[in-house]
PDB file of all heavy atoms in Angstrom:
ATOM      1  N   ALA A   1      78.978  92.868  89.105  1.00  0.00           N
ATOM      2  CA  ALA A   1      79.836  94.050  88.992  1.00  0.00           C
ATOM      3  C   ALA A   1      81.304  93.656  88.945  1.00  0.00           C
ATOM      4  O   ALA A   1      82.091  94.195  88.153  1.00  0.00           O
ATOM      5  CB  ALA A   1      79.575  94.998  90.153  1.00  0.00           C
ATOM      6  N   ALA A   2      81.706  92.719  89.804  1.00  0.00           N
ATOM      7  CA  ALA A   2      83.097  92.278  89.820  1.00  0.00           C
ATOM      8  C   ALA A   2      83.472  91.625  88.493  1.00  0.00           C
ATOM      9  O   ALA A   2      84.562  91.862  87.950  1.00  0.00           O
ATOM     10  CB  ALA A   2      83.324  91.312  90.979  1.00  0.00           C
ATOM     11  N   ALA A   3      82.568  90.816  87.957  1.00  0.00           N
ATOM     12  CA  ALA A   3      82.837  90.192  86.661  1.00  0.00           C
ATOM     13  C   ALA A   3      82.961  91.232  85.564  1.00  0.00           C
ATOM     14  O   ALA A   3      83.804  91.120  84.669  1.00  0.00           O
ATOM     15  CB  ALA A   3      81.743  89.186  86.327  1.00  0.00           C
ATOM     16  N   LEU A   4      82.135  92.265  85.606  1.00  0.00           N
ATOM     17  CA  LEU A   4      82.226  93.339  84.612  1.00  0.00           C
ATOM     18  C   LEU A   4      83.582  94.035  84.674  1.00  0.00           C
ATOM     19  O   LEU A   4      84.111  94.495  83.656  1.00  0.00           O
ATOM     20  CB  LEU A   4      81.103  94.366  84.823  1.00  0.00           C
ATOM     21  CG  LEU A   4      79.716  93.937  84.362  1.00  0.00           C
ATOM     22  CD1 LEU A   4      78.650  94.867  84.945  1.00  0.00           C
ATOM     23  CD2 LEU A   4      79.611  93.918  82.844  1.00  0.00           C
ATOM     24  N   ASN A   5      84.173  94.122  85.862  1.00  0.00           N
ATOM     25  CA  ASN A   5      85.515  94.698  85.999  1.00  0.00           C
ATOM     26  C   ASN A   5      86.532  93.961  85.138  1.00  0.00           C
ATOM     27  O   ASN A   5      87.532  94.534  84.725  1.00  0.00           O
ATOM     28  CB  ASN A   5      85.978  94.632  87.458  1.00  0.00           C
ATOM     29  CG  ASN A   5      85.463  95.753  88.322  1.00  0.00           C
ATOM     30  OD1 ASN A   5      86.206  96.312  89.113  1.00  0.00           O
ATOM     31  ND2 ASN A   5      84.198  96.090  88.201  1.00  0.00           N
ATOM     32  N   VAL A   6      86.260  92.682  84.885  1.00  0.00           N
ATOM     33  CA  VAL A   6      87.183  91.840  84.132  1.00  0.00           C
ATOM     34  C   VAL A   6      86.782  91.752  82.660  1.00  0.00           C
ATOM     35  O   VAL A   6      87.606  91.969  81.767  1.00  0.00           O
ATOM     36  CB  VAL A   6      87.245  90.427  84.749  1.00  0.00           C
ATOM     37  CG1 VAL A   6      88.184  89.533  83.942  1.00  0.00           C
ATOM     38  CG2 VAL A   6      87.696  90.487  86.203  1.00  0.00           C
ATOM     39  N   VAL A   7      85.513  91.444  82.397  1.00  0.00           N
ATOM     40  CA  VAL A   7      85.092  91.186  81.016  1.00  0.00           C
ATOM     41  C   VAL A   7      84.686  92.450  80.269  1.00  0.00           C
ATOM     42  O   VAL A   7      84.584  92.440  79.047  1.00  0.00           O
ATOM     43  CB  VAL A   7      83.952  90.139  80.966  1.00  0.00           C
ATOM     44  CG1 VAL A   7      84.411  88.832  81.579  1.00  0.00           C
ATOM     45  CG2 VAL A   7      82.684  90.643  81.659  1.00  0.00           C
ATOM     46  N   GLU A   8      84.458  93.541  80.997  1.00  0.00           N
ATOM     47  CA  GLU A   8      84.214  94.848  80.364  1.00  0.00           C
ATOM     48  C   GLU A   8      85.053  95.919  81.067  1.00  0.00           C
ATOM     49  O   GLU A   8      84.535  96.918  81.575  1.00  0.00           O
ATOM     50  CB  GLU A   8      82.730  95.228  80.395  1.00  0.00           C
ATOM     51  CG  GLU A   8      82.396  96.391  79.490  1.00  0.00           C
ATOM     52  CD  GLU A   8      80.923  96.773  79.497  1.00  0.00           C
ATOM     53  OE1 GLU A   8      80.072  95.923  79.788  1.00  0.00           O
ATOM     54  OE2 GLU A   8      80.633  97.950  79.192  1.00  0.00           O
ATOM     55  N   PRO A   9      86.385  95.727  81.100  1.00  0.00           N
ATOM     56  CA  PRO A   9      87.238  96.667  81.826  1.00  0.00           C
ATOM     57  C   PRO A   9      87.337  98.022  81.153  1.00  0.00           C
ATOM     58  O   PRO A   9      87.895  98.959  81.736  1.00  0.00           O
ATOM     59  CB  PRO A   9      88.593  95.951  81.843  1.00  0.00           C
ATOM     60  CG  PRO A   9      88.594  95.160  80.577  1.00  0.00           C
ATOM     61  CD  PRO A   9      87.171  94.676  80.425  1.00  0.00           C
ATOM     62  N   THR A  10      86.815  98.127  79.951  1.00  0.00           N
ATOM     63  CA  THR A  10      86.788  99.395  79.231  1.00  0.00           C
ATOM     64  C   THR A  10      85.809 100.383  79.837  1.00  0.00           C
ATOM     65  O   THR A  10      85.816 101.561  79.466  1.00  0.00           O
ATOM     66  CB  THR A  10      86.396  99.144  77.775  1.00  0.00           C
ATOM     67  OG1 THR A  10      85.167  98.396  77.755  1.00  0.00           O
ATOM     68  CG2 THR A  10      87.456  98.335  77.054  1.00  0.00           C
ATOM     69  N   SER A  11      84.954  99.935  80.766  1.00  0.00           N
ATOM     70  CA  SER A  11      83.908 100.804  81.311  1.00  0.00           C
ATOM     71  C   SER A  11      83.890 100.886  82.824  1.00  0.00           C
ATOM     72  O   SER A  11      83.221 101.767  83.367  1.00  0.00           O
ATOM     73  CB  SER A  11      82.523 100.309  80.852  1.00  0.00           C
ATOM     74  OG  SER A  11      82.418 100.262  79.456  1.00  0.00           O
ATOM     75  N   THR A  12      84.573  99.978  83.503  1.00  0.00           N
ATOM     76  CA  THR A  12      84.429  99.931  84.955  1.00  0.00           C
ATOM     77  C   THR A  12      85.643  99.273  85.589  1.00  0.00           C
ATOM     78  O   THR A  12      86.421  98.600  84.910  1.00  0.00           O
ATOM     79  CB  THR A  12      83.151  99.170  85.352  1.00  0.00           C
ATOM     80  OG1 THR A  12      82.951  99.290  86.768  1.00  0.00           O
ATOM     81  CG2 THR A  12      83.219  97.711  84.961  1.00  0.00           C
ATOM     82  N   GLY A  13      85.787  99.462  86.908  1.00  0.00           N
ATOM     83  CA  GLY A  13      86.929  98.851  87.561  1.00  0.00           C
ATOM     84  C   GLY A  13      87.002  99.162  89.040  1.00  0.00           C
ATOM     85  O   GLY A  13      86.303 100.042  89.563  1.00  0.00           O
ATOM     86  N   LEU A  14      87.891  98.442  89.727  1.00  0.00           N
ATOM     87  CA  LEU A  14      88.103  98.629  91.161  1.00  0.00           C
ATOM     88  C   LEU A  14      88.606 100.026  91.496  1.00  0.00           C
ATOM     89  O   LEU A  14      88.468 100.480  92.625  1.00  0.00           O
ATOM     90  CB  LEU A  14      89.110  97.600  91.667  1.00  0.00           C
ATOM     91  CG  LEU A  14      88.545  96.261  92.116  1.00  0.00           C
ATOM     92  CD1 LEU A  14      89.650  95.237  92.229  1.00  0.00           C
ATOM     93  CD2 LEU A  14      87.818  96.419  93.450  1.00  0.00           C
ATOM     94  N   GLY A  15      89.176 100.709  90.517  1.00  0.00           N
ATOM     95  CA  GLY A  15      89.677 102.059  90.756  1.00  0.00           C
ATOM     96  C   GLY A  15      88.621 103.132  90.658  1.00  0.00           C
ATOM     97  O   GLY A  15      88.942 104.319  90.669  1.00  0.00           O
ATOM     98  N   GLY A  16      87.337 102.738  90.576  1.00  0.00           N
ATOM     99  CA  GLY A  16      86.244 103.697  90.437  1.00  0.00           C
ATOM    100  C   GLY A  16      85.328 103.715  91.641  1.00  0.00           C
ATOM    101  O   GLY A  16      85.702 103.335  92.754  1.00  0.00           O
ATOM    102  N   ASP A  17      84.089 104.141  91.419  1.00  0.00           N
ATOM    103  CA  ASP A  17      83.087 104.288  92.469  1.00  0.00           C
ATOM    104  C   ASP A  17      81.888 103.389  92.181  1.00  0.00           C
ATOM    105  O   ASP A  17      81.705 102.911  91.056  1.00  0.00           O
ATOM    106  CB  ASP A  17      82.614 105.742  92.559  1.00  0.00           C
ATOM    107  CG  ASP A  17      83.702 106.695  93.030  1.00  0.00           C
ATOM    108  OD1 ASP A  17      84.571 106.256  93.811  1.00  0.00           O
ATOM    109  OD2 ASP A  17      83.687 107.870  92.626  1.00  0.00           O
ATOM    110  N   VAL A  18      81.036 103.204  93.200  1.00  0.00           N
ATOM    111  CA  VAL A  18      79.866 102.341  93.041  1.00  0.00           C
ATOM    112  C   VAL A  18      78.695 102.897  93.857  1.00  0.00           C
ATOM    113  O   VAL A  18      78.893 103.450  94.944  1.00  0.00           O
ATOM    114  CB  VAL A  18      80.188 100.886  93.461  1.00  0.00           C
ATOM    115  CG1 VAL A  18      80.552 100.783  94.929  1.00  0.00           C
ATOM    116  CG2 VAL A  18      79.049  99.951  93.116  1.00  0.00           C
ATOM    117  N   PHE A  19      77.487 102.740  93.299  1.00  0.00           N
ATOM    118  CA  PHE A  19      76.263 103.238  93.928  1.00  0.00           C
ATOM    119  C   PHE A  19      75.160 102.205  93.763  1.00  0.00           C
ATOM    120  O   PHE A  19      75.168 101.407  92.817  1.00  0.00           O
ATOM    121  CB  PHE A  19      75.804 104.542  93.278  1.00  0.00           C
ATOM    122  CG  PHE A  19      76.818 105.643  93.318  1.00  0.00           C
ATOM    123  CD1 PHE A  19      77.776 105.747  92.326  1.00  0.00           C
ATOM    124  CD2 PHE A  19      76.823 106.581  94.340  1.00  0.00           C
ATOM    125  CE1 PHE A  19      78.723 106.751  92.348  1.00  0.00           C
ATOM    126  CE2 PHE A  19      77.768 107.595  94.369  1.00  0.00           C
ATOM    127  CZ  PHE A  19      78.724 107.685  93.373  1.00  0.00           C
ATOM    128  N   ALA A  20      74.177 102.244  94.661  1.00  0.00           N
ATOM    129  CA  ALA A  20      73.049 101.321  94.568  1.00  0.00           C
ATOM    130  C   ALA A  20      71.773 101.991  95.041  1.00  0.00           C
ATOM    131  O   ALA A  20      71.787 102.834  95.950  1.00  0.00           O
ATOM    132  CB  ALA A  20      73.302 100.069  95.401  1.00  0.00           C
ATOM    133  N   LEU A  21      70.667 101.616  94.419  1.00  0.00           N
ATOM    134  CA  LEU A  21      69.316 101.871  94.925  1.00  0.00           C
ATOM    135  C   LEU A  21      68.648 100.521  95.049  1.00  0.00           C
ATOM    136  O   LEU A  21      68.782  99.670  94.155  1.00  0.00           O
ATOM    137  CB  LEU A  21      68.518 102.754  93.969  1.00  0.00           C
ATOM    138  CG  LEU A  21      68.634 104.263  94.125  1.00  0.00           C
ATOM    139  CD1 LEU A  21      67.824 104.957  93.039  1.00  0.00           C
ATOM    140  CD2 LEU A  21      68.141 104.716  95.490  1.00  0.00           C
ATOM    141  N   TYR A  22      67.888 100.299  96.111  1.00  0.00           N
ATOM    142  CA  TYR A  22      67.371  98.959  96.328  1.00  0.00           C
ATOM    143  C   TYR A  22      66.078  98.946  97.136  1.00  0.00           C
ATOM    144  O   TYR A  22      65.741  99.895  97.842  1.00  0.00           O
ATOM    145  CB  TYR A  22      68.409  98.094  97.032  1.00  0.00           C
ATOM    146  CG  TYR A  22      68.856  98.631  98.385  1.00  0.00           C
ATOM    147  CD1 TYR A  22      68.136  98.357  99.548  1.00  0.00           C
ATOM    148  CD2 TYR A  22      70.008  99.412  98.510  1.00  0.00           C
ATOM    149  CE1 TYR A  22      68.547  98.846 100.785  1.00  0.00           C
ATOM    150  CE2 TYR A  22      70.430  99.908  99.732  1.00  0.00           C
ATOM    151  CZ  TYR A  22      69.692  99.615 100.869  1.00  0.00           C
ATOM    152  OH  TYR A  22      70.094 100.111 102.092  1.00  0.00           O
ATOM    153  N   ARG A  23      65.363  97.837  96.986  1.00  0.00           N
ATOM    154  CA  ARG A  23      64.254  97.473  97.859  1.00  0.00           C
ATOM    155  C   ARG A  23      64.551  96.081  98.383  1.00  0.00           C
ATOM    156  O   ARG A  23      64.840  95.170  97.613  1.00  0.00           O
ATOM    157  CB  ARG A  23      62.926  97.447  97.110  1.00  0.00           C
ATOM    158  CG  ARG A  23      61.747  97.051  97.995  1.00  0.00           C
ATOM    159  CD  ARG A  23      60.567  96.549  97.206  1.00  0.00           C
ATOM    160  NE  ARG A  23      59.422  96.289  98.065  1.00  0.00           N
ATOM    161  CZ  ARG A  23      59.176  95.144  98.710  1.00  0.00           C
ATOM    162  NH1 ARG A  23      60.030  94.139  98.622  1.00  0.00           N
ATOM    163  NH2 ARG A  23      58.097  95.000  99.460  1.00  0.00           N
ATOM    164  N   THR A  24      64.509  95.900  99.697  1.00  0.00           N
ATOM    165  CA  THR A  24      64.766  94.593 100.279  1.00  0.00           C
ATOM    166  C   THR A  24      63.471  93.792 100.373  1.00  0.00           C
ATOM    167  O   THR A  24      62.366  94.324 100.247  1.00  0.00           O
ATOM    168  CB  THR A  24      65.376  94.711 101.683  1.00  0.00           C
ATOM    169  OG1 THR A  24      64.407  95.304 102.561  1.00  0.00           O
ATOM    170  CG2 THR A  24      66.635  95.566 101.656  1.00  0.00           C
ATOM    171  N   ALA A  25      63.620  92.483 100.637  1.00  0.00           N
ATOM    172  CA  ALA A  25      62.457  91.607 100.737  1.00  0.00           C
ATOM    173  C   ALA A  25      61.511  92.030 101.853  1.00  0.00           C
ATOM    174  O   ALA A  25      60.303  91.777 101.769  1.00  0.00           O
ATOM    175  CB  ALA A  25      62.922  90.165 100.957  1.00  0.00           C
ATOM    176  N   ASP A  26      62.035  92.673 102.888  1.00  0.00           N
ATOM    177  CA  ASP A  26      61.163  93.119 103.975  1.00  0.00           C
ATOM    178  C   ASP A  26      60.639  94.529 103.772  1.00  0.00           C
ATOM    179  O   ASP A  26      60.041  95.119 104.680  1.00  0.00           O
ATOM    180  CB  ASP A  26      61.875  93.001 105.325  1.00  0.00           C
ATOM    181  CG  ASP A  26      63.133  93.856 105.412  1.00  0.00           C
ATOM    182  OD1 ASP A  26      63.386  94.655 104.486  1.00  0.00           O
ATOM    183  OD2 ASP A  26      63.869  93.725 106.419  1.00  0.00           O
ATOM    184  N   GLY A  27      60.850  95.108 102.592  1.00  0.00           N
ATOM    185  CA  GLY A  27      60.225  96.374 102.244  1.00  0.00           C
ATOM    186  C   GLY A  27      61.062  97.610 102.464  1.00  0.00           C
ATOM    187  O   GLY A  27      60.601  98.727 102.192  1.00  0.00           O
ATOM    188  N   GLU A  28      62.302  97.469 102.920  1.00  0.00           N
ATOM    189  CA  GLU A  28      63.159  98.649 103.102  1.00  0.00           C
ATOM    190  C   GLU A  28      63.581  99.205 101.745  1.00  0.00           C
ATOM    191  O   GLU A  28      64.027  98.463 100.862  1.00  0.00           O
ATOM    192  CB  GLU A  28      64.415  98.273 103.887  1.00  0.00           C
ATOM    193  CG  GLU A  28      65.396  99.435 104.043  1.00  0.00           C
ATOM    194  CD  GLU A  28      66.762  99.007 104.566  1.00  0.00           C
ATOM    195  OE1 GLU A  28      66.936  97.816 104.906  1.00  0.00           O
ATOM    196  OE2 GLU A  28      67.672  99.869 104.608  1.00  0.00           O
ATOM    197  N   VAL A  29      63.446 100.502 101.572  1.00  0.00           N
ATOM    198  CA  VAL A  29      63.928 101.179 100.375  1.00  0.00           C
ATOM    199  C   VAL A  29      65.140 102.008 100.782  1.00  0.00           C
ATOM    200  O   VAL A  29      65.056 102.840 101.694  1.00  0.00           O
ATOM    201  CB  VAL A  29      62.846 102.078  99.757  1.00  0.00           C
ATOM    202  CG1 VAL A  29      63.399 102.816  98.533  1.00  0.00           C
ATOM    203  CG2 VAL A  29      61.629 101.246  99.365  1.00  0.00           C
ATOM    204  N   GLY A  30      66.259 101.764 100.130  1.00  0.00           N
ATOM    205  CA  GLY A  30      67.470 102.436 100.557  1.00  0.00           C
ATOM    206  C   GLY A  30      68.441 102.691  99.422  1.00  0.00           C
ATOM    207  O   GLY A  30      68.196 102.348  98.268  1.00  0.00           O
ATOM    208  N   ALA A  31      69.556 103.295  99.785  1.00  0.00           N
ATOM    209  CA  ALA A  31      70.590 103.641  98.809  1.00  0.00           C
ATOM    210  C   ALA A  31      71.951 103.465  99.445  1.00  0.00           C
ATOM    211  O   ALA A  31      72.116 103.612 100.663  1.00  0.00           O
ATOM    212  CB  ALA A  31      70.409 105.076  98.337  1.00  0.00           C
ATOM    213  N   MET A  32      72.912 103.131  98.613  1.00  0.00           N
ATOM    214  CA  MET A  32      74.308 103.036  99.041  1.00  0.00           C
ATOM    215  C   MET A  32      75.147 103.912  98.128  1.00  0.00           C
ATOM    216  O   MET A  32      75.025 103.861  96.917  1.00  0.00           O
ATOM    217  CB  MET A  32      74.785 101.588  98.988  1.00  0.00           C
ATOM    218  CG  MET A  32      76.160 101.361  99.647  1.00  0.00           C
ATOM    219  SD  MET A  32      77.543 101.589  98.510  1.00  0.00           S
ATOM    220  CE  MET A  32      77.294 100.252  97.369  1.00  0.00           C
ATOM    221  N   ARG A  33      75.942 104.763  98.745  1.00  0.00           N
ATOM    222  CA  ARG A  33      76.828 105.658  97.999  1.00  0.00           C
ATOM    223  C   ARG A  33      78.256 105.379  98.440  1.00  0.00           C
ATOM    224  O   ARG A  33      78.593 105.523  99.613  1.00  0.00           O
ATOM    225  CB  ARG A  33      76.461 107.119  98.271  1.00  0.00           C
ATOM    226  CG  ARG A  33      77.396 108.127  97.603  1.00  0.00           C
ATOM    227  CD  ARG A  33      76.839 109.538  97.665  1.00  0.00           C
ATOM    228  NE  ARG A  33      76.602 110.004  99.017  1.00  0.00           N
ATOM    229  CZ  ARG A  33      75.762 110.991  99.331  1.00  0.00           C
ATOM    230  NH1 ARG A  33      75.067 111.588  98.382  1.00  0.00           N
ATOM    231  NH2 ARG A  33      75.608 111.373 100.593  1.00  0.00           N
ATOM    232  N   SER A  34      79.087 104.986  97.478  1.00  0.00           N
ATOM    233  CA  SER A  34      80.472 104.664  97.802  1.00  0.00           C
ATOM    234  C   SER A  34      81.386 105.359  96.807  1.00  0.00           C
ATOM    235  O   SER A  34      81.864 104.762  95.845  1.00  0.00           O
ATOM    236  CB  SER A  34      80.680 103.144  97.785  1.00  0.00           C
ATOM    237  OG  SER A  34      81.901 102.792  98.392  1.00  0.00           O
ATOM    238  N   CYS A  35      81.585 106.643  97.030  1.00  0.00           N
ATOM    239  CA  CYS A  35      82.461 107.437  96.165  1.00  0.00           C
ATOM    240  C   CYS A  35      83.368 108.296  97.026  1.00  0.00           C
ATOM    241  O   CYS A  35      82.935 108.914  97.986  1.00  0.00           O
ATOM    242  CB  CYS A  35      81.661 108.307  95.190  1.00  0.00           C
ATOM    243  SG  CYS A  35      80.677 109.610  95.949  1.00  0.00           S
ATOM    244  N   GLY A  36      84.638 108.303  96.669  1.00  0.00           N
ATOM    245  CA  GLY A  36      85.616 109.054  97.435  1.00  0.00           C
ATOM    246  C   GLY A  36      85.769 110.483  96.959  1.00  0.00           C
ATOM    247  O   GLY A  36      85.267 110.870  95.902  1.00  0.00           O
ATOM    248  N   GLY A  37      86.482 111.251  97.743  1.00  0.00           N
ATOM    249  CA  GLY A  37      86.692 112.659  97.430  1.00  0.00           C
ATOM    250  C   GLY A  37      88.117 112.934  96.986  1.00  0.00           C
ATOM    251  O   GLY A  37      88.928 112.038  96.745  1.00  0.00           O
ATOM    252  N   ALA A  38      88.415 114.212  96.890  1.00  0.00           N
ATOM    253  CA  ALA A  38      89.750 114.649  96.501  1.00  0.00           C
ATOM    254  C   ALA A  38      90.734 114.415  97.649  1.00  0.00           C
ATOM    255  O   ALA A  38      90.359 114.439  98.820  1.00  0.00           O
ATOM    256  CB  ALA A  38      89.718 116.130  96.138  1.00  0.00           C
ATOM    257  N   PRO A  39      92.003 114.195  97.338  1.00  0.00           N
ATOM    258  CA  PRO A  39      93.008 114.044  98.398  1.00  0.00           C
ATOM    259  C   PRO A  39      93.090 115.273  99.297  1.00  0.00           C
ATOM    260  O   PRO A  39      92.717 116.390  98.900  1.00  0.00           O
ATOM    261  CB  PRO A  39      94.310 113.844  97.608  1.00  0.00           C
ATOM    262  CG  PRO A  39      93.888 113.312  96.289  1.00  0.00           C
ATOM    263  CD  PRO A  39      92.570 113.976  95.994  1.00  0.00           C
ATOM    264  N   ALA A  40      93.583 115.079 100.506  1.00  0.00           N
ATOM    265  CA  ALA A  40      93.632 116.156 101.496  1.00  0.00           C
ATOM    266  C   ALA A  40      94.501 117.323 101.047  1.00  0.00           C
ATOM    267  O   ALA A  40      94.272 118.470 101.453  1.00  0.00           O
ATOM    268  CB  ALA A  40      94.135 115.601 102.830  1.00  0.00           C
ATOM    269  N   ASP A  41      95.506 117.056 100.217  1.00  0.00           N
ATOM    270  CA  ASP A  41      96.397 118.125  99.771  1.00  0.00           C
ATOM    271  C   ASP A  41      96.012 118.681  98.398  1.00  0.00           C
ATOM    272  O   ASP A  41      96.732 119.531  97.850  1.00  0.00           O
ATOM    273  CB  ASP A  41      97.838 117.624  99.715  1.00  0.00           C
ATOM    274  CG  ASP A  41      98.408 117.368 101.099  1.00  0.00           C
ATOM    275  OD1 ASP A  41      97.956 118.026 102.061  1.00  0.00           O
ATOM    276  OD2 ASP A  41      99.288 116.499 101.226  1.00  0.00           O
ATOM    277  N   ALA A  42      94.880 118.225  97.857  1.00  0.00           N
ATOM    278  CA  ALA A  42      94.481 118.658  96.510  1.00  0.00           C
ATOM    279  C   ALA A  42      93.688 119.960  96.580  1.00  0.00           C
ATOM    280  O   ALA A  42      92.472 119.995  96.385  1.00  0.00           O
ATOM    281  CB  ALA A  42      93.664 117.565  95.823  1.00  0.00           C
ATOM    282  N   THR A  43      94.386 121.045  96.855  1.00  0.00           N
ATOM    283  CA  THR A  43      93.767 122.367  96.802  1.00  0.00           C
ATOM    284  C   THR A  43      93.892 122.929  95.387  1.00  0.00           C
ATOM    285  O   THR A  43      94.705 122.463  94.585  1.00  0.00           O
ATOM    286  CB  THR A  43      94.444 123.323  97.783  1.00  0.00           C
ATOM    287  OG1 THR A  43      95.809 123.505  97.363  1.00  0.00           O
ATOM    288  CG2 THR A  43      94.422 122.781  99.201  1.00  0.00           C
ATOM    289  N   ILE A  44      93.103 123.929  95.084  1.00  0.00           N
ATOM    290  CA  ILE A  44      93.203 124.584  93.776  1.00  0.00           C
ATOM    291  C   ILE A  44      94.617 125.115  93.565  1.00  0.00           C
ATOM    292  O   ILE A  44      95.208 124.946  92.486  1.00  0.00           O
ATOM    293  CB  ILE A  44      92.161 125.707  93.654  1.00  0.00           C
ATOM    294  CG1 ILE A  44      90.749 125.111  93.567  1.00  0.00           C
ATOM    295  CG2 ILE A  44      92.448 126.585  92.434  1.00  0.00           C
ATOM    296  CD1 ILE A  44      89.641 126.141  93.560  1.00  0.00           C
ATOM    297  N   GLU A  45      95.177 125.717  94.605  1.00  0.00           N
ATOM    298  CA  GLU A  45      96.504 126.309  94.488  1.00  0.00           C
ATOM    299  C   GLU A  45      97.562 125.237  94.236  1.00  0.00           C
ATOM    300  O   GLU A  45      98.455 125.395  93.389  1.00  0.00           O
ATOM    301  CB  GLU A  45      96.844 127.094  95.763  1.00  0.00           C
ATOM    302  CG  GLU A  45      95.962 128.308  96.016  1.00  0.00           C
ATOM    303  CD  GLU A  45      94.572 127.949  96.516  1.00  0.00           C
ATOM    304  OE1 GLU A  45      94.381 126.804  97.006  1.00  0.00           O
ATOM    305  OE2 GLU A  45      93.658 128.799  96.403  1.00  0.00           O
TER     306      GLU A  45
END
C-alpha cells in the first residue's frame, strides 16, 4: 500500500483512508476500519 502511494499516486495516498478484511493464521476473522470524519466545525450552516 505504501509503495502504491508512490508509484500509483493517481489513485491513493497518505491523505486518504484505509480498510482491511482478514483471516489470521490462527483462524481469527476480522476487519480494520481507518477512516476519519468531518471536522468539528464542519456544520451544514
